[in-house]
């Protein structure tokens, strides 16, 4: 796996866990760590969003190559 895919996947996981905490406990961990509305928290949110967009590439590639469909037929 390319380094960028690992990095973006890690950021997507961080974002997903953060949203889980927001939904379950009304706790925005990114804002708690870096400050609500701070430049650092905004950068983290932007990086998570860009990472999610980047992860569309491996998804489309896997779908086009039949990897996902092959897993379904087992």
Protein backbone atom coordinates (compact mmCIF):
# COMPACT_ATOMS: atom_id res chain seq x y z
CA UNK A 1 0.00 0.00 0.00
CA UNK A 2 1.33 3.44 -0.87
CA UNK A 3 2.41 5.65 2.01
CA UNK A 4 -0.18 8.28 1.05
CA UNK A 5 -2.94 5.68 1.22
CA UNK A 6 -1.83 4.62 4.70
CA UNK A 7 -1.65 8.23 5.88
CA UNK A 8 -5.03 9.18 4.44
CA UNK A 9 -6.63 6.00 5.77
CA UNK A 10 -5.29 6.80 9.25
CA UNK A 11 -6.73 10.32 9.02
CA UNK A 12 -10.09 8.98 7.86
CA UNK A 13 -10.10 6.63 10.87
CA UNK A 14 -9.28 9.56 13.18
CA UNK A 15 -12.15 11.51 11.64
CA UNK A 16 -14.54 8.59 11.99
CA UNK A 17 -13.61 8.04 15.61
CA UNK A 18 -14.00 11.76 16.29
CA UNK A 19 -17.50 11.74 14.74
CA UNK A 20 -18.35 8.68 16.83
CA UNK A 21 -17.35 10.56 19.97
CA UNK A 22 -19.40 13.57 18.87
CA UNK A 23 -22.45 11.38 18.29
CA UNK A 24 -22.14 9.31 21.45
CA UNK A 25 -20.84 11.80 23.99
CA UNK A 26 -21.04 15.24 22.35
CA UNK A 27 -17.24 15.33 22.62
CA UNK A 28 -15.24 16.80 19.75
CA UNK A 29 -11.79 15.44 20.57
CA UNK A 30 -10.02 17.47 17.87
CA UNK A 31 -11.50 20.69 19.26
CA UNK A 32 -10.70 19.58 22.81
CA UNK A 33 -7.05 18.97 21.92
CA UNK A 34 -6.38 21.90 19.59
CA UNK A 35 -9.07 24.38 20.66
CA UNK A 36 -12.49 24.93 19.13
CA UNK A 37 -12.18 26.98 15.95
CA UNK A 38 -8.39 27.21 16.21
CA UNK A 39 -6.23 27.16 13.13
CA UNK A 40 -4.82 23.74 14.11
CA UNK A 41 -8.25 22.15 14.52
CA UNK A 42 -9.35 23.60 11.18
CA UNK A 43 -6.23 22.16 9.54
CA UNK A 44 -7.00 18.73 11.02
CA UNK A 45 -10.60 18.91 9.75
CA UNK A 46 -9.42 19.92 6.27
CA UNK A 47 -6.82 17.12 6.20
CA UNK A 48 -9.44 14.57 7.27
CA UNK A 49 -11.79 15.80 4.54
CA UNK A 50 -9.09 15.68 1.88
CA UNK A 51 -8.10 12.22 3.09
CA UNK A 52 -11.66 11.00 2.69
CA UNK A 53 -11.71 12.37 -0.85
CA UNK A 54 -8.36 10.68 -1.58
CA UNK A 55 -9.69 7.33 -0.33
CA UNK A 56 -12.24 7.40 -3.16
CA UNK A 57 -9.38 6.49 -5.53
CA UNK A 58 -8.59 3.06 -3.97
CA UNK A 59 -12.32 2.38 -3.63
CA UNK A 60 -12.96 3.03 -7.32
CA UNK A 61 -9.86 1.06 -8.26
CA UNK A 62 -10.96 -1.93 -6.15
CA UNK A 63 -14.48 -1.73 -7.55
CA UNK A 64 -13.22 -1.54 -11.13
CA UNK A 65 -10.83 -4.46 -10.72
CA UNK A 66 -13.48 -6.70 -9.23
CA UNK A 67 -11.80 -7.02 -5.82
CA UNK A 68 -14.95 -6.02 -3.95
CA UNK A 69 -17.24 -8.17 -6.07
CA UNK A 70 -14.92 -11.16 -5.71
CA UNK A 71 -15.06 -10.84 -1.93
CA UNK A 72 -18.86 -10.83 -2.03
CA UNK A 73 -19.06 -14.11 -3.94
CA UNK A 74 -17.21 -16.18 -1.35
